[in-house]
PDB file of N, CA and C in Angstrom:
ATOM      1  N   UNK A   1      -5.472  -0.781  -6.059  1.00  0.00           N
ATOM      2  CA  UNK A   1      -4.648  -1.258  -7.058  1.00  0.00           C
ATOM      3  C   UNK A   1      -4.355   0.336  -7.516  1.00  0.00           C
ATOM      4  N   UNK A   2      -3.368   0.074  -8.850  1.00  0.00           N
ATOM      5  CA  UNK A   2      -2.638   0.992  -9.173  1.00  0.00           C
ATOM      6  C   UNK A   2      -3.008   0.445 -10.586  1.00  0.00           C
ATOM      7  N   UNK A   3      -3.836   1.646 -10.692  1.00  0.00           N
ATOM      8  CA  UNK A   3      -4.878   1.700 -12.238  1.00  0.00           C
ATOM      9  C   UNK A   3      -3.935   1.944 -13.274  1.00  0.00           C
ATOM     10  N   UNK A   4      -2.521   2.611 -12.936  1.00  0.00           N
ATOM     11  CA  UNK A   4      -1.310   3.185 -14.356  1.00  0.00           C
ATOM     12  C   UNK A   4      -1.068   1.544 -14.432  1.00  0.00           C
ATOM     13  N   UNK A   5      -0.613   0.594 -13.590  1.00  0.00           N
ATOM     14  CA  UNK A   5       0.429  -0.929 -13.614  1.00  0.00           C
ATOM     15  C   UNK A   5      -0.840  -1.693 -14.654  1.00  0.00           C
ATOM     16  N   UNK A   6      -2.444  -1.620 -13.632  1.00  0.00           N
ATOM     17  CA  UNK A   6      -3.071  -2.571 -14.498  1.00  0.00           C
ATOM     18  C   UNK A   6      -2.972  -1.783 -16.171  1.00  0.00           C
ATOM     19  N   UNK A   7      -3.654  -0.782 -15.946  1.00  0.00           N
ATOM     20  CA  UNK A   7      -3.238  -0.346 -18.012  1.00  0.00           C
ATOM     21  C   UNK A   7      -1.810  -0.835 -18.521  1.00  0.00           C
ATOM     22  N   UNK A   8      -0.980  -1.115 -18.428  1.00  0.00           N
ATOM     23  CA  UNK A   8       0.215  -1.184 -18.634  1.00  0.00           C
ATOM     24  C   UNK A   8       0.664  -2.897 -18.664  1.00  0.00           C
ATOM     25  N   UNK A   9      -0.238  -3.830 -17.744  1.00  0.00           N
ATOM     26  CA  UNK A   9       0.028  -5.019 -18.317  1.00  0.00           C
ATOM     27  C   UNK A   9      -1.707  -4.985 -19.225  1.00  0.00           C
ATOM     28  N   UNK A  10      -2.536  -4.467 -19.152  1.00  0.00           N
ATOM     29  CA  UNK A  10      -3.540  -4.664 -20.233  1.00  0.00           C
ATOM     30  C   UNK A  10      -2.736  -4.501 -21.753  1.00  0.00           C
ATOM     31  N   UNK A  11      -2.023  -3.145 -21.297  1.00  0.00           N
ATOM     32  CA  UNK A  11      -0.978  -3.107 -23.008  1.00  0.00           C
ATOM     33  C   UNK A  11      -0.486  -4.240 -23.032  1.00  0.00           C
ATOM     34  N   UNK A  12       0.444  -4.760 -22.161  1.00  0.00           N
ATOM     35  CA  UNK A  12       0.910  -5.686 -22.648  1.00  0.00           C
ATOM     36  C   UNK A  12       0.630  -7.213 -23.547  1.00  0.00           C
ATOM     37  N   UNK A  13      -0.561  -7.385 -22.616  1.00  0.00           N
ATOM     38  CA  UNK A  13      -1.515  -8.240 -22.819  1.00  0.00           C
ATOM     39  C   UNK A  13      -1.872  -8.487 -24.204  1.00  0.00           C
ATOM     40  N   UNK A  14      -2.448  -6.942 -24.854  1.00  0.00           N
ATOM     41  CA  UNK A  14      -3.219  -7.074 -25.980  1.00  0.00           C
ATOM     42  C   UNK A  14      -2.321  -7.215 -27.109  1.00  0.00           C
ATOM     43  N   UNK A  15      -1.225  -6.523 -26.440  1.00  0.00           N
ATOM     44  CA  UNK A  15       0.259  -6.828 -27.780  1.00  0.00           C
ATOM     45  C   UNK A  15      -0.060  -8.296 -28.495  1.00  0.00           C
ATOM     46  N   UNK A  16      -0.602  -9.670 -27.137  1.00  0.00           N
ATOM     47  CA  UNK A  16      -0.377 -10.518 -27.859  1.00  0.00           C
ATOM     48  C   UNK A  16      -1.082 -11.392 -28.744  1.00  0.00           C
ATOM     49  N   UNK A  17      -2.141 -10.184 -28.544  1.00  0.00           N
ATOM     50  CA  UNK A  17      -3.054 -10.714 -28.643  1.00  0.00           C
ATOM     51  C   UNK A  17      -5.011 -10.756 -28.693  1.00  0.00           C
ATOM     52  N   UNK A  18      -4.951 -10.961 -26.794  1.00  0.00           N
ATOM     53  CA  UNK A  18      -5.809 -10.501 -26.508  1.00  0.00           C
ATOM     54  C   UNK A  18      -7.038  -9.631 -26.812  1.00  0.00           C
ATOM     55  N   UNK A  19      -8.034  -9.509 -26.609  1.00  0.00           N
ATOM     56  CA  UNK A  19      -8.816  -8.088 -27.510  1.00  0.00           C
ATOM     57  C   UNK A  19      -9.997  -7.942 -26.591  1.00  0.00           C
ATOM     58  N   UNK A  20      -9.592  -8.693 -25.424  1.00  0.00           N
ATOM     59  CA  UNK A  20     -11.045  -8.537 -24.637  1.00  0.00           C
ATOM     60  C   UNK A  20     -10.863  -6.800 -24.082  1.00  0.00           C
ATOM     61  N   UNK A  21     -12.084  -6.410 -23.273  1.00  0.00           N
ATOM     62  CA  UNK A  21     -11.665  -4.918 -22.329  1.00  0.00           C
ATOM     63  C   UNK A  21     -10.797  -4.901 -21.020  1.00  0.00           C
ATOM     64  N   UNK A  22     -10.520  -4.279 -20.725  1.00  0.00           N
ATOM     65  CA  UNK A  22      -9.357  -4.101 -19.291  1.00  0.00           C
ATOM     66  C   UNK A  22     -10.494  -4.769 -18.454  1.00  0.00           C
ATOM     67  N   UNK A  23     -11.618  -4.664 -18.388  1.00  0.00           N
ATOM     68  CA  UNK A  23     -12.507  -5.332 -17.436  1.00  0.00           C
ATOM     69  C   UNK A  23     -12.639  -6.857 -17.103  1.00  0.00           C
ATOM     70  N   UNK A  24     -12.309  -7.219 -18.762  1.00  0.00           N
ATOM     71  CA  UNK A  24     -12.665  -8.210 -18.902  1.00  0.00           C
ATOM     72  C   UNK A  24     -11.150  -9.040 -18.691  1.00  0.00           C
ATOM     73  N   UNK A  25      -9.951  -8.172 -18.906  1.00  0.00           N
ATOM     74  CA  UNK A  25      -8.592  -8.514 -18.466  1.00  0.00           C
ATOM     75  C   UNK A  25      -8.662  -9.246 -17.145  1.00  0.00           C
ATOM     76  N   UNK A  26      -9.058  -8.215 -16.058  1.00  0.00           N
ATOM     77  CA  UNK A  26      -9.038  -8.363 -14.704  1.00  0.00           C
ATOM     78  C   UNK A  26      -9.485  -9.037 -14.216  1.00  0.00           C
ATOM     79  N   UNK A  27     -10.563  -9.301 -15.107  1.00  0.00           N
ATOM     80  CA  UNK A  27     -11.472 -10.686 -14.420  1.00  0.00           C
ATOM     81  C   UNK A  27     -10.586 -12.126 -14.429  1.00  0.00           C
ATOM     82  N   UNK A  28      -9.911 -12.375 -15.663  1.00  0.00           N
ATOM     83  CA  UNK A  28      -9.464 -12.902 -16.961  1.00  0.00           C
ATOM     84  C   UNK A  28      -7.944 -13.542 -15.730  1.00  0.00           C
ATOM     85  N   UNK A  29      -7.535 -12.518 -15.179  1.00  0.00           N
ATOM     86  CA  UNK A  29      -6.479 -12.324 -14.705  1.00  0.00           C
ATOM     87  C   UNK A  29      -6.875 -13.015 -12.871  1.00  0.00           C
ATOM     88  N   UNK A  30      -7.689 -12.561 -12.220  1.00  0.00           N
ATOM     89  CA  UNK A  30      -8.350 -13.207 -11.142  1.00  0.00           C
ATOM     90  C   UNK A  30      -8.987 -14.264 -11.237  1.00  0.00           C
ATOM     91  N   UNK A  31      -9.496 -14.796 -12.552  1.00  0.00           N
ATOM     92  CA  UNK A  31      -9.792 -16.163 -12.007  1.00  0.00           C
ATOM     93  C   UNK A  31      -9.272 -17.367 -12.921  1.00  0.00           C
ATOM     94  N   UNK A  32      -8.037 -17.171 -13.983  1.00  0.00           N
ATOM     95  CA  UNK A  32      -7.197 -17.866 -14.497  1.00  0.00           C
ATOM     96  C   UNK A  32      -6.227 -17.786 -14.157  1.00  0.00           C
ATOM     97  N   UNK A  33      -5.530 -18.366 -13.671  1.00  0.00           N
ATOM     98  CA  UNK A  33      -4.047 -18.430 -13.219  1.00  0.00           C
ATOM     99  C   UNK A  33      -3.368 -18.664 -14.162  1.00  0.00           C
ATOM    100  N   UNK A  34      -3.504 -19.158 -15.269  1.00  0.00           N
ATOM    101  CA  UNK A  34      -2.241 -19.547 -16.498  1.00  0.00           C
ATOM    102  C   UNK A  34      -2.377 -18.031 -16.924  1.00  0.00           C
ATOM    103  N   UNK A  35      -3.599 -17.408 -17.107  1.00  0.00           N
ATOM    104  CA  UNK A  35      -3.426 -15.994 -17.757  1.00  0.00           C
ATOM    105  C   UNK A  35      -2.845 -14.950 -16.823  1.00  0.00           C
ATOM    106  N   UNK A  36      -2.767 -15.474 -15.284  1.00  0.00           N
ATOM    107  CA  UNK A  36      -1.977 -14.351 -14.780  1.00  0.00           C
ATOM    108  C   UNK A  36      -0.549 -14.496 -14.531  1.00  0.00           C
ATOM    109  N   UNK A  37      -0.230 -16.027 -14.868  1.00  0.00           N
ATOM    110  CA  UNK A  37       1.165 -16.002 -14.962  1.00  0.00           C
ATOM    111  C   UNK A  37       1.437 -15.353 -16.295  1.00  0.00           C
ATOM    112  N   UNK A  38       1.169 -15.777 -16.978  1.00  0.00           N
ATOM    113  CA  UNK A  38       1.714 -14.965 -18.425  1.00  0.00           C
ATOM    114  C   UNK A  38       1.235 -13.607 -18.339  1.00  0.00           C
ATOM    115  N   UNK A  39       0.553 -12.729 -17.948  1.00  0.00           N
ATOM    116  CA  UNK A  39       0.571 -11.794 -17.475  1.00  0.00           C
ATOM    117  C   UNK A  39       1.950 -11.136 -17.141  1.00  0.00           C
ATOM    118  N   UNK A  40       1.912 -11.706 -15.803  1.00  0.00           N
ATOM    119  CA  UNK A  40       3.248 -11.733 -15.053  1.00  0.00           C
ATOM    120  C   UNK A  40       4.242 -12.224 -15.384  1.00  0.00           C
ATOM    121  N   UNK A  41       4.461 -12.713 -16.381  1.00  0.00           N
ATOM    122  CA  UNK A  41       5.359 -12.874 -17.640  1.00  0.00           C
ATOM    123  C   UNK A  41       6.107 -11.703 -18.452  1.00  0.00           C
ATOM    124  N   UNK A  42       5.500 -10.992 -18.846  1.00  0.00           N
ATOM    125  CA  UNK A  42       5.227 -10.156 -19.761  1.00  0.00           C
ATOM    126  C   UNK A  42       5.292  -8.701 -18.721  1.00  0.00           C
ATOM    127  N   UNK A  43       4.634  -8.637 -17.622  1.00  0.00           N
ATOM    128  CA  UNK A  43       5.145  -7.631 -17.000  1.00  0.00           C
ATOM    129  C   UNK A  43       6.410  -7.456 -16.343  1.00  0.00           C
ATOM    130  N   UNK A  44       7.032  -8.462 -16.071  1.00  0.00           N
ATOM    131  CA  UNK A  44       8.564  -8.561 -16.021  1.00  0.00           C
ATOM    132  C   UNK A  44       9.627  -8.390 -16.627  1.00  0.00           C
ATOM    133  N   UNK A  45       9.076  -9.021 -17.908  1.00  0.00           N
ATOM    134  CA  UNK A  45      10.155  -8.989 -19.181  1.00  0.00           C
ATOM    135  C   UNK A  45       9.932  -7.455 -19.628  1.00  0.00           C
ATOM    136  N   UNK A  46       9.350  -6.705 -19.484  1.00  0.00           N
ATOM    137  CA  UNK A  46       9.196  -4.969 -19.754  1.00  0.00           C
ATOM    138  C   UNK A  46       9.849  -4.334 -18.587  1.00  0.00           C
ATOM    139  N   UNK A  47      10.467  -5.166 -17.509  1.00  0.00           N
ATOM    140  CA  UNK A  47      11.193  -4.050 -16.227  1.00  0.00           C
ATOM    141  C   UNK A  47      10.769  -4.826 -14.614  1.00  0.00           C
ATOM    142  N   UNK A  48       9.646  -4.918 -15.234  1.00  0.00           N
ATOM    143  CA  UNK A  48       9.015  -5.068 -13.418  1.00  0.00           C
ATOM    144  C   UNK A  48      10.146  -6.423 -12.668  1.00  0.00           C
ATOM    145  N   UNK A  49      10.703  -5.903 -11.550  1.00  0.00           N
ATOM    146  CA  UNK A  49      11.260  -7.039 -11.001  1.00  0.00           C
ATOM    147  C   UNK A  49      10.471  -7.164  -9.221  1.00  0.00           C
ATOM    148  N   UNK A  50       9.493  -7.282  -9.061  1.00  0.00           N
ATOM    149  CA  UNK A  50       8.844  -7.728  -7.929  1.00  0.00           C
ATOM    150  C   UNK A  50       8.078  -9.574  -7.836  1.00  0.00           C
ATOM    151  N   UNK A  51       7.922  -9.461  -6.488  1.00  0.00           N
ATOM    152  CA  UNK A  51       7.030 -11.357  -6.963  1.00  0.00           C
ATOM    153  C   UNK A  51       5.514 -10.956  -7.841  1.00  0.00           C
ATOM    154  N   UNK A  52       5.617 -12.772  -7.331  1.00  0.00           N
ATOM    155  CA  UNK A  52       3.648 -12.539  -8.419  1.00  0.00           C
ATOM    156  C   UNK A  52       3.000 -12.187  -7.223  1.00  0.00           C
ATOM    157  N   UNK A  53       3.404 -12.651  -5.974  1.00  0.00           N
ATOM    158  CA  UNK A  53       2.645 -11.707  -5.115  1.00  0.00           C
ATOM    159  C   UNK A  53       1.909 -10.129  -4.710  1.00  0.00           C
ATOM    160  N   UNK A  54       3.601  -9.438  -4.993  1.00  0.00           N
ATOM    161  CA  UNK A  54       3.797  -8.400  -4.992  1.00  0.00           C
ATOM    162  C   UNK A  54       2.920  -7.972  -6.669  1.00  0.00           C
ATOM    163  N   UNK A  55       2.694  -8.596  -7.539  1.00  0.00           N
ATOM    164  CA  UNK A  55       2.312  -7.748  -8.926  1.00  0.00           C
ATOM    165  C   UNK A  55       0.831  -8.482  -8.814  1.00  0.00           C
ATOM    166  N   UNK A  56       0.891  -9.555  -8.116  1.00  0.00           N
ATOM    167  CA  UNK A  56      -1.396  -9.588  -7.654  1.00  0.00           C
ATOM    168  C   UNK A  56      -1.427  -8.395  -6.743  1.00  0.00           C
ATOM    169  N   UNK A  57      -1.042  -7.987  -5.992  1.00  0.00           N
ATOM    170  CA  UNK A  57      -0.979  -7.162  -5.243  1.00  0.00           C
ATOM    171  C   UNK A  57      -1.088  -5.183  -5.923  1.00  0.00           C
ATOM    172  N   UNK A  58      -0.130  -5.427  -6.138  1.00  0.00           N
ATOM    173  CA  UNK A  58      -0.182  -3.992  -7.364  1.00  0.00           C
ATOM    174  C   UNK A  58      -1.333  -3.779  -8.596  1.00  0.00           C
ATOM    175  N   UNK A  59      -1.803  -4.961  -8.655  1.00  0.00           N
ATOM    176  CA  UNK A  59      -3.051  -4.912  -9.412  1.00  0.00           C
ATOM    177  C   UNK A  59      -4.446  -5.239  -9.086  1.00  0.00           C
ATOM    178  N   UNK A  60      -4.386  -5.497  -7.776  1.00  0.00           N
ATOM    179  CA  UNK A  60      -5.909  -5.315  -6.955  1.00  0.00           C
ATOM    180  C   UNK A  60      -6.299  -6.903  -6.780  1.00  0.00           C
ATOM    181  N   UNK A  61      -5.369  -7.476  -7.195  1.00  0.00           N
ATOM    182  CA  UNK A  61      -6.353  -9.378  -7.568  1.00  0.00           C
ATOM    183  C   UNK A  61      -6.710  -9.230  -6.257  1.00  0.00           C
ATOM    184  N   UNK A  62      -8.281 -10.459  -5.678  1.00  0.00           N
ATOM    185  CA  UNK A  62      -8.309 -10.974  -5.084  1.00  0.00           C
ATOM    186  C   UNK A  62      -6.893 -11.659  -4.502  1.00  0.00           C
ATOM    187  N   UNK A  63      -7.194 -12.338  -3.974  1.00  0.00           N
ATOM    188  CA  UNK A  63      -6.485 -13.071  -2.617  1.00  0.00           C
ATOM    189  C   UNK A  63      -7.467 -14.762  -3.265  1.00  0.00           C
ATOM    190  N   UNK A  64      -6.606 -15.252  -2.710  1.00  0.00           N
ATOM    191  CA  UNK A  64      -6.920 -17.149  -2.606  1.00  0.00           C
ATOM    192  C   UNK A  64      -8.343 -16.830  -1.812  1.00  0.00           C
ATOM    193  N   UNK A  65      -9.452 -17.071  -2.173  1.00  0.00           N
ATOM    194  CA  UNK A  65     -11.295 -17.188  -1.260  1.00  0.00           C
ATOM    195  C   UNK A  65     -11.090 -18.431   0.087  1.00  0.00           C
ATOM    196  N   UNK A  66     -11.844 -18.298   0.590  1.00  0.00           N
ATOM    197  CA  UNK A  66     -11.980 -19.428   1.827  1.00  0.00           C
ATOM    198  C   UNK A  66     -11.715 -20.439   1.612  1.00  0.00           C
ATOM    199  N   UNK A  67     -12.446 -20.956   0.641  1.00  0.00           N
ATOM    200  CA  UNK A  67     -12.525 -22.413   0.124  1.00  0.00           C
ATOM    201  C   UNK A  67     -11.671 -22.928  -0.510  1.00  0.00           C
ATOM    202  N   UNK A  68     -10.508 -21.785  -1.062  1.00  0.00           N
ATOM    203  CA  UNK A  68      -9.482 -22.835  -1.289  1.00  0.00           C
ATOM    204  C   UNK A  68      -8.124 -22.874  -0.462  1.00  0.00           C
ATOM    205  N   UNK A  69      -8.749 -21.844   0.651  1.00  0.00           N
ATOM    206  CA  UNK A  69      -7.325 -21.659   1.514  1.00  0.00           C
ATOM    207  C   UNK A  69      -8.016 -22.468   1.883  1.00  0.00           C
ATOM    208  N   UNK A  70      -9.105 -23.224   3.019  1.00  0.00           N
ATOM    209  CA  UNK A  70      -9.532 -24.725   3.632  1.00  0.00           C
ATOM    210  C   UNK A  70      -9.003 -26.049   2.784  1.00  0.00           C
ATOM    211  N   UNK A  71      -9.473 -25.926   1.827  1.00  0.00           N
ATOM    212  CA  UNK A  71      -8.472 -27.235   0.792  1.00  0.00           C
ATOM    213  C   UNK A  71      -7.346 -27.346   1.187  1.00  0.00           C
ATOM    214  N   UNK A  72      -6.040 -26.190   1.023  1.00  0.00           N
ATOM    215  CA  UNK A  72      -4.927 -25.943   1.298  1.00  0.00           C
ATOM    216  C   UNK A  72      -4.395 -26.423   2.956  1.00  0.00           C
ATOM    217  N   UNK A  73      -5.539 -26.011   3.773  1.00  0.00           N
ATOM    218  CA  UNK A  73      -5.045 -26.334   5.252  1.00  0.00           C
ATOM    219  C   UNK A  73      -5.461 -27.970   5.122  1.00  0.00           C
ATOM    220  N   UNK A  74      -6.619 -28.377   4.546  1.00  0.00           N
ATOM    221  CA  UNK A  74      -6.899 -29.328   4.543  1.00  0.00           C
ATOM    222  C   UNK A  74      -5.461 -30.776   4.121  1.00  0.00           C
ATOM    223  N   UNK A  75      -5.100 -29.971   3.122  1.00  0.00           N
ATOM    224  CA  UNK A  75      -4.118 -31.454   2.289  1.00  0.00           C
ATOM    225  C   UNK A  75      -2.968 -30.896   3.203  1.00  0.00           C
ATOM    226  N   UNK A  76      -2.577 -30.102   4.128  1.00  0.00           N
ATOM    227  CA  UNK A  76      -1.550 -30.240   5.253  1.00  0.00           C
ATOM    228  C   UNK A  76      -1.671 -30.519   5.833  1.00  0.00           C
ATOM    229  N   UNK A  77      -2.779 -30.765   6.660  1.00  0.00           N
ATOM    230  CA  UNK A  77      -3.267 -31.560   7.801  1.00  0.00           C
ATOM    231  C   UNK A  77      -3.264 -33.288   7.494  1.00  0.00           C
ATOM    232  N   UNK A  78      -3.524 -33.536   6.408  1.00  0.00           N
ATOM    233  CA  UNK A  78      -4.052 -34.569   6.233  1.00  0.00           C
ATOM    234  C   UNK A  78      -2.053 -35.429   5.209  1.00  0.00           C
ATOM    235  N   UNK A  79      -0.955 -34.311   5.545  1.00  0.00           N
ATOM    236  CA  UNK A  79      -0.536 -34.993   4.817  1.00  0.00           C
ATOM    237  C   UNK A  79       0.571 -35.352   6.722  1.00  0.00           C
ATOM    238  N   UNK A  80       0.322 -33.909   7.375  1.00  0.00           N
ATOM    239  CA  UNK A  80       1.090 -34.083   8.427  1.00  0.00           C
ATOM    240  C   UNK A  80       0.878 -34.887   9.768  1.00  0.00           C
ATOM    241  N   UNK A  81      -0.711 -35.566   9.102  1.00  0.00           N
ATOM    242  CA  UNK A  81      -1.320 -36.409  10.340  1.00  0.00           C
ATOM    243  C   UNK A  81      -0.393 -37.648  10.209  1.00  0.00           C
ATOM    244  N   UNK A  82      -0.117 -38.603  11.311  1.00  0.00           N
ATOM    245  CA  UNK A  82       0.646 -40.224  11.222  1.00  0.00           C
ATOM    246  C   UNK A  82      -0.299 -40.798  10.389  1.00  0.00           C
ATOM    247  N   UNK A  83       0.136 -41.745   9.991  1.00  0.00           N
ATOM    248  CA  UNK A  83      -0.782 -42.924   9.334  1.00  0.00           C
ATOM    249  C   UNK A  83      -0.967 -43.624  10.073  1.00  0.00           C
ATOM    250  N   UNK A  84      -2.696 -43.826  10.100  1.00  0.00           N
ATOM    251  CA  UNK A  84      -2.893 -45.258  11.008  1.00  0.00           C
ATOM    252  C   UNK A  84      -2.431 -46.443  10.516  1.00  0.00           C
ATOM    253  N   UNK A  85      -1.843 -47.281  10.011  1.00  0.00           N
ATOM    254  CA  UNK A  85      -1.093 -48.414   9.930  1.00  0.00           C
ATOM    255  C   UNK A  85       0.504 -48.238   9.908  1.00  0.00           C
ATOM    256  N   UNK A  86       0.551 -47.250  10.983  1.00  0.00           N
ATOM    257  CA  UNK A  86       2.311 -47.356  11.052  1.00  0.00           C
ATOM    258  C   UNK A  86       2.141 -48.455  12.300  1.00  0.00           C
ATOM    259  N   UNK A  87       2.788 -49.463  12.050  1.00  0.00           N
ATOM    260  CA  UNK A  87       3.239 -50.132  13.597  1.00  0.00           C
ATOM    261  C   UNK A  87       3.964 -49.778  14.224  1.00  0.00           C
ATOM    262  N   UNK A  88       3.572 -49.267  15.505  1.00  0.00           N
ATOM    263  CA  UNK A  88       4.600 -48.580  16.256  1.00  0.00           C
ATOM    264  C   UNK A  88       4.441 -49.869  17.282  1.00  0.00           C
TER     265      UNK A  88
END
């Protein structure tokens, strides 16, 4: 985690009306995709040119948990599995 980047991101977010602590901000970004996207947009508008994944890594935010990964894999498998109603 880059503490300076987190501090800067927090400062940008508080300028838009957020009034939580920096720790609460970090948790919010970890748990809320919309807040993360808003924060990324603010950071990008201030000159950052990395991807969302780069930003997530810069801030040291957790990656998808295993249950989210399992759900994503299950969805892909169900899309890629041929339909049993396919007359062959």
